[in-house]
């Protein structure tokens, strides 16, 4: 495995995930009409080829 190539590819993927996830969350919040409180969120990351299943749950404060 080429560690440098792997690292760059992973960073590119994670950047895409971060940007698109933020856009989708912002759109969903706007569309919901909710303007205060919190929004529960959950992300499931899976990589079937390597047996990966990782879940992250949290809340986003709308202020």
PDB file of N, CA and C in Angstrom:
ATOM      1  N   UNK A   1       0.851  -1.179   0.000  1.00  0.00           N
ATOM      2  CA  UNK A   1       0.000   0.000   0.000  1.00  0.00           C
ATOM      3  C   UNK A   1       0.896   1.242   0.000  1.00  0.00           C
ATOM      4  N   UNK A   2       0.561   2.174  -0.838  1.00  0.00           N
ATOM      5  CA  UNK A   2       1.274   3.449  -0.919  1.00  0.00           C
ATOM      6  C   UNK A   2       0.617   4.397   0.089  1.00  0.00           C
ATOM      7  N   UNK A   3       1.261   4.595   1.247  1.00  0.00           N
ATOM      8  CA  UNK A   3       0.683   5.390   2.326  1.00  0.00           C
ATOM      9  C   UNK A   3       0.348   6.819   1.899  1.00  0.00           C
ATOM     10  N   UNK A   4       1.208   7.425   1.114  1.00  0.00           N
ATOM     11  CA  UNK A   4       0.978   8.810   0.696  1.00  0.00           C
ATOM     12  C   UNK A   4      -0.263   8.898  -0.204  1.00  0.00           C
ATOM     13  N   UNK A   5      -0.361   7.997  -1.162  1.00  0.00           N
ATOM     14  CA  UNK A   5      -1.509   7.987  -2.064  1.00  0.00           C
ATOM     15  C   UNK A   5      -2.799   7.677  -1.297  1.00  0.00           C
ATOM     16  N   UNK A   6      -2.730   6.718  -0.385  1.00  0.00           N
ATOM     17  CA  UNK A   6      -3.869   6.349   0.455  1.00  0.00           C
ATOM     18  C   UNK A   6      -4.330   7.550   1.284  1.00  0.00           C
ATOM     19  N   UNK A   7      -3.396   8.235   1.915  1.00  0.00           N
ATOM     20  CA  UNK A   7      -3.700   9.386   2.756  1.00  0.00           C
ATOM     21  C   UNK A   7      -4.363  10.504   1.941  1.00  0.00           C
ATOM     22  N   UNK A   8      -3.825  10.803   0.773  1.00  0.00           N
ATOM     23  CA  UNK A   8      -4.391  11.856  -0.072  1.00  0.00           C
ATOM     24  C   UNK A   8      -5.804  11.486  -0.548  1.00  0.00           C
ATOM     25  N   UNK A   9      -5.994  10.242  -0.927  1.00  0.00           N
ATOM     26  CA  UNK A   9      -7.294   9.783  -1.389  1.00  0.00           C
ATOM     27  C   UNK A   9      -8.326   9.839  -0.256  1.00  0.00           C
ATOM     28  N   UNK A  10      -7.906   9.437   0.945  1.00  0.00           N
ATOM     29  CA  UNK A  10      -8.801   9.468   2.094  1.00  0.00           C
ATOM     30  C   UNK A  10      -9.176  10.906   2.446  1.00  0.00           C
ATOM     31  N   UNK A  11      -8.216  11.814   2.425  1.00  0.00           N
ATOM     32  CA  UNK A  11      -8.495  13.223   2.727  1.00  0.00           C
ATOM     33  C   UNK A  11      -9.471  13.822   1.717  1.00  0.00           C
ATOM     34  N   UNK A  12      -9.311  13.472   0.445  1.00  0.00           N
ATOM     35  CA  UNK A  12     -10.207  13.960  -0.593  1.00  0.00           C
ATOM     36  C   UNK A  12     -11.630  13.452  -0.345  1.00  0.00           C
ATOM     37  N   UNK A  13     -11.752  12.172  -0.006  1.00  0.00           N
ATOM     38  CA  UNK A  13     -13.057  11.592   0.281  1.00  0.00           C
ATOM     39  C   UNK A  13     -13.694  12.254   1.500  1.00  0.00           C
ATOM     40  N   UNK A  14     -12.936  12.404   2.581  1.00  0.00           N
ATOM     41  CA  UNK A  14     -13.475  12.994   3.803  1.00  0.00           C
ATOM     42  C   UNK A  14     -13.871  14.453   3.608  1.00  0.00           C
ATOM     43  N   UNK A  15     -13.137  15.177   2.767  1.00  0.00           N
ATOM     44  CA  UNK A  15     -13.505  16.560   2.461  1.00  0.00           C
ATOM     45  C   UNK A  15     -14.848  16.580   1.742  1.00  0.00           C
ATOM     46  N   UNK A  16     -15.022  15.686   0.771  1.00  0.00           N
ATOM     47  CA  UNK A  16     -16.284  15.592   0.044  1.00  0.00           C
ATOM     48  C   UNK A  16     -17.427  15.244   0.995  1.00  0.00           C
ATOM     49  N   UNK A  17     -17.201  14.307   1.896  1.00  0.00           N
ATOM     50  CA  UNK A  17     -18.218  13.914   2.870  1.00  0.00           C
ATOM     51  C   UNK A  17     -18.592  15.103   3.749  1.00  0.00           C
ATOM     52  N   UNK A  18     -17.589  15.822   4.230  1.00  0.00           N
ATOM     53  CA  UNK A  18     -17.847  16.962   5.106  1.00  0.00           C
ATOM     54  C   UNK A  18     -18.631  18.062   4.425  1.00  0.00           C
ATOM     55  N   UNK A  19     -18.221  18.422   3.225  1.00  0.00           N
ATOM     56  CA  UNK A  19     -18.876  19.513   2.495  1.00  0.00           C
ATOM     57  C   UNK A  19     -20.308  19.133   2.129  1.00  0.00           C
ATOM     58  N   UNK A  20     -20.491  17.955   1.554  1.00  0.00           N
ATOM     59  CA  UNK A  20     -21.841  17.568   1.129  1.00  0.00           C
ATOM     60  C   UNK A  20     -22.752  17.325   2.329  1.00  0.00           C
ATOM     61  N   UNK A  21     -22.210  16.795   3.418  1.00  0.00           N
ATOM     62  CA  UNK A  21     -23.021  16.578   4.618  1.00  0.00           C
ATOM     63  C   UNK A  21     -23.497  17.899   5.193  1.00  0.00           C
ATOM     64  N   UNK A  22     -22.614  18.879   5.257  1.00  0.00           N
ATOM     65  CA  UNK A  22     -22.998  20.190   5.772  1.00  0.00           C
ATOM     66  C   UNK A  22     -24.100  20.805   4.902  1.00  0.00           C
ATOM     67  N   UNK A  23     -23.949  20.697   3.602  1.00  0.00           N
ATOM     68  CA  UNK A  23     -24.968  21.245   2.694  1.00  0.00           C
ATOM     69  C   UNK A  23     -26.316  20.580   2.912  1.00  0.00           C
ATOM     70  N   UNK A  24     -26.330  19.282   3.062  1.00  0.00           N
ATOM     71  CA  UNK A  24     -27.582  18.551   3.245  1.00  0.00           C
ATOM     72  C   UNK A  24     -28.229  18.860   4.595  1.00  0.00           C
ATOM     73  N   UNK A  25     -27.417  19.000   5.639  1.00  0.00           N
ATOM     74  CA  UNK A  25     -27.956  19.342   6.959  1.00  0.00           C
ATOM     75  C   UNK A  25     -28.562  20.743   6.921  1.00  0.00           C
ATOM     76  N   UNK A  26     -27.841  21.699   6.325  1.00  0.00           N
ATOM     77  CA  UNK A  26     -28.353  23.070   6.231  1.00  0.00           C
ATOM     78  C   UNK A  26     -29.676  23.106   5.462  1.00  0.00           C
ATOM     79  N   UNK A  27     -29.755  22.382   4.366  1.00  0.00           N
ATOM     80  CA  UNK A  27     -30.980  22.345   3.562  1.00  0.00           C
ATOM     81  C   UNK A  27     -32.127  21.730   4.358  1.00  0.00           C
ATOM     82  N   UNK A  28     -31.862  20.638   5.042  1.00  0.00           N
ATOM     83  CA  UNK A  28     -32.909  19.964   5.813  1.00  0.00           C
ATOM     84  C   UNK A  28     -33.421  20.860   6.940  1.00  0.00           C
ATOM     85  N   UNK A  29     -32.520  21.566   7.602  1.00  0.00           N
ATOM     86  CA  UNK A  29     -32.930  22.464   8.686  1.00  0.00           C
ATOM     87  C   UNK A  29     -33.777  23.599   8.115  1.00  0.00           C
ATOM     88  N   UNK A  30     -33.320  24.201   7.009  1.00  0.00           N
ATOM     89  CA  UNK A  30     -34.090  25.281   6.376  1.00  0.00           C
ATOM     90  C   UNK A  30     -35.472  24.794   5.959  1.00  0.00           C
ATOM     91  N   UNK A  31     -35.520  23.633   5.311  1.00  0.00           N
ATOM     92  CA  UNK A  31     -36.786  23.078   4.827  1.00  0.00           C
ATOM     93  C   UNK A  31     -37.737  22.708   5.968  1.00  0.00           C
ATOM     94  N   UNK A  32     -37.174  22.373   7.120  1.00  0.00           N
ATOM     95  CA  UNK A  32     -38.009  21.974   8.258  1.00  0.00           C
ATOM     96  C   UNK A  32     -38.667  23.166   8.936  1.00  0.00           C
ATOM     97  N   UNK A  33     -38.093  24.357   8.741  1.00  0.00           N
ATOM     98  CA  UNK A  33     -38.624  25.549   9.398  1.00  0.00           C
ATOM     99  C   UNK A  33     -38.181  25.688  10.838  1.00  0.00           C
ATOM    100  N   UNK A  34     -37.404  24.748  11.319  1.00  0.00           N
ATOM    101  CA  UNK A  34     -36.919  24.788  12.698  1.00  0.00           C
ATOM    102  C   UNK A  34     -35.830  25.850  12.804  1.00  0.00           C
ATOM    103  N   UNK A  35     -35.937  26.717  13.830  1.00  0.00           N
ATOM    104  CA  UNK A  35     -34.966  27.800  13.933  1.00  0.00           C
ATOM    105  C   UNK A  35     -34.280  27.885  15.289  1.00  0.00           C
ATOM    106  N   UNK A  36     -34.648  27.009  16.205  1.00  0.00           N
ATOM    107  CA  UNK A  36     -33.982  27.009  17.510  1.00  0.00           C
ATOM    108  C   UNK A  36     -33.971  25.591  18.061  1.00  0.00           C
ATOM    109  N   UNK A  37     -33.217  25.419  19.119  1.00  0.00           N
ATOM    110  CA  UNK A  37     -33.102  24.099  19.734  1.00  0.00           C
ATOM    111  C   UNK A  37     -31.956  23.308  19.126  1.00  0.00           C
ATOM    112  N   UNK A  38     -32.131  22.023  19.074  1.00  0.00           N
ATOM    113  CA  UNK A  38     -31.086  21.149  18.537  1.00  0.00           C
ATOM    114  C   UNK A  38     -31.674  20.203  17.492  1.00  0.00           C
ATOM    115  N   UNK A  39     -30.788  19.665  16.698  1.00  0.00           N
ATOM    116  CA  UNK A  39     -31.154  18.657  15.700  1.00  0.00           C
ATOM    117  C   UNK A  39     -30.284  17.432  15.951  1.00  0.00           C
ATOM    118  N   UNK A  40     -30.919  16.303  16.170  1.00  0.00           N
ATOM    119  CA  UNK A  40     -30.179  15.057  16.345  1.00  0.00           C
ATOM    120  C   UNK A  40     -29.709  14.578  14.973  1.00  0.00           C
ATOM    121  N   UNK A  41     -28.454  14.161  14.903  1.00  0.00           N
ATOM    122  CA  UNK A  41     -27.904  13.664  13.647  1.00  0.00           C
ATOM    123  C   UNK A  41     -27.186  12.342  13.887  1.00  0.00           C
ATOM    124  N   UNK A  42     -27.116  11.562  12.835  1.00  0.00           N
ATOM    125  CA  UNK A  42     -26.451  10.259  12.901  1.00  0.00           C
ATOM    126  C   UNK A  42     -25.800  10.003  11.558  1.00  0.00           C
ATOM    127  N   UNK A  43     -24.544   9.584  11.589  1.00  0.00           N
ATOM    128  CA  UNK A  43     -23.816   9.246  10.377  1.00  0.00           C
ATOM    129  C   UNK A  43     -23.359   7.797  10.491  1.00  0.00           C
ATOM    130  N   UNK A  44     -23.624   7.033   9.454  1.00  0.00           N
ATOM    131  CA  UNK A  44     -23.174   5.641   9.412  1.00  0.00           C
ATOM    132  C   UNK A  44     -22.180   5.518   8.267  1.00  0.00           C
ATOM    133  N   UNK A  45     -20.971   5.142   8.611  1.00  0.00           N
ATOM    134  CA  UNK A  45     -19.904   4.961   7.632  1.00  0.00           C
ATOM    135  C   UNK A  45     -19.688   3.458   7.457  1.00  0.00           C
ATOM    136  N   UNK A  46     -19.805   3.016   6.229  1.00  0.00           N
ATOM    137  CA  UNK A  46     -19.576   1.586   5.996  1.00  0.00           C
ATOM    138  C   UNK A  46     -18.590   1.395   4.862  1.00  0.00           C
ATOM    139  N   UNK A  47     -17.788   0.389   5.019  1.00  0.00           N
ATOM    140  CA  UNK A  47     -16.831  -0.015   3.996  1.00  0.00           C
ATOM    141  C   UNK A  47     -16.869  -1.524   3.894  1.00  0.00           C
ATOM    142  N   UNK A  48     -17.828  -2.047   3.142  1.00  0.00           N
ATOM    143  CA  UNK A  48     -18.021  -3.492   3.073  1.00  0.00           C
ATOM    144  C   UNK A  48     -16.771  -4.277   2.660  1.00  0.00           C
ATOM    145  N   UNK A  49     -15.941  -3.674   1.816  1.00  0.00           N
ATOM    146  CA  UNK A  49     -14.748  -4.386   1.335  1.00  0.00           C
ATOM    147  C   UNK A  49     -13.740  -4.675   2.446  1.00  0.00           C
ATOM    148  N   UNK A  50     -13.810  -3.881   3.539  1.00  0.00           N
ATOM    149  CA  UNK A  50     -12.839  -4.073   4.629  1.00  0.00           C
ATOM    150  C   UNK A  50     -13.519  -4.347   5.970  1.00  0.00           C
ATOM    151  N   UNK A  51     -14.822  -4.614   5.951  1.00  0.00           N
ATOM    152  CA  UNK A  51     -15.550  -4.945   7.174  1.00  0.00           C
ATOM    153  C   UNK A  51     -15.740  -3.765   8.110  1.00  0.00           C
ATOM    154  N   UNK A  52     -15.863  -2.570   7.553  1.00  0.00           N
ATOM    155  CA  UNK A  52     -16.017  -1.358   8.367  1.00  0.00           C
ATOM    156  C   UNK A  52     -17.484  -1.002   8.542  1.00  0.00           C
ATOM    157  N   UNK A  53     -17.878  -0.756   9.773  1.00  0.00           N
ATOM    158  CA  UNK A  53     -19.204  -0.240  10.106  1.00  0.00           C
ATOM    159  C   UNK A  53     -19.004   0.663  11.322  1.00  0.00           C
ATOM    160  N   UNK A  54     -19.128   1.976  11.116  1.00  0.00           N
ATOM    161  CA  UNK A  54     -18.851   2.958  12.172  1.00  0.00           C
ATOM    162  C   UNK A  54     -19.995   3.965  12.223  1.00  0.00           C
ATOM    163  N   UNK A  55     -20.538   4.189  13.419  1.00  0.00           N
ATOM    164  CA  UNK A  55     -21.652   5.112  13.599  1.00  0.00           C
ATOM    165  C   UNK A  55     -21.231   6.247  14.519  1.00  0.00           C
ATOM    166  N   UNK A  56     -21.587   7.464  14.116  1.00  0.00           N
ATOM    167  CA  UNK A  56     -21.349   8.654  14.932  1.00  0.00           C
ATOM    168  C   UNK A  56     -22.695   9.332  15.123  1.00  0.00           C
ATOM    169  N   UNK A  57     -23.065   9.595  16.379  1.00  0.00           N
ATOM    170  CA  UNK A  57     -24.313  10.277  16.672  1.00  0.00           C
ATOM    171  C   UNK A  57     -24.017  11.536  17.470  1.00  0.00           C
ATOM    172  N   UNK A  58     -24.834  12.566  17.249  1.00  0.00           N
ATOM    173  CA  UNK A  58     -24.642  13.802  17.978  1.00  0.00           C
ATOM    174  C   UNK A  58     -25.801  14.746  17.785  1.00  0.00           C
ATOM    175  N   UNK A  59     -25.617  15.959  18.281  1.00  0.00           N
ATOM    176  CA  UNK A  59     -26.621  16.995  18.149  1.00  0.00           C
ATOM    177  C   UNK A  59     -25.981  18.246  17.609  1.00  0.00           C
ATOM    178  N   UNK A  60     -26.733  18.967  16.809  1.00  0.00           N
ATOM    179  CA  UNK A  60     -26.285  20.250  16.293  1.00  0.00           C
ATOM    180  C   UNK A  60     -27.175  21.321  16.907  1.00  0.00           C
ATOM    181  N   UNK A  61     -26.562  22.288  17.569  1.00  0.00           N
ATOM    182  CA  UNK A  61     -27.267  23.373  18.241  1.00  0.00           C
ATOM    183  C   UNK A  61     -27.612  24.447  17.225  1.00  0.00           C
ATOM    184  N   UNK A  62     -28.878  24.770  17.092  1.00  0.00           N
ATOM    185  CA  UNK A  62     -29.306  25.790  16.138  1.00  0.00           C
ATOM    186  C   UNK A  62     -29.193  27.213  16.705  1.00  0.00           C
ATOM    187  N   UNK A  63     -28.908  27.301  17.984  1.00  0.00           N
ATOM    188  CA  UNK A  63     -28.713  28.618  18.596  1.00  0.00           C
ATOM    189  C   UNK A  63     -29.969  29.299  19.016  1.00  0.00           C
TER     190      UNK A  63
END
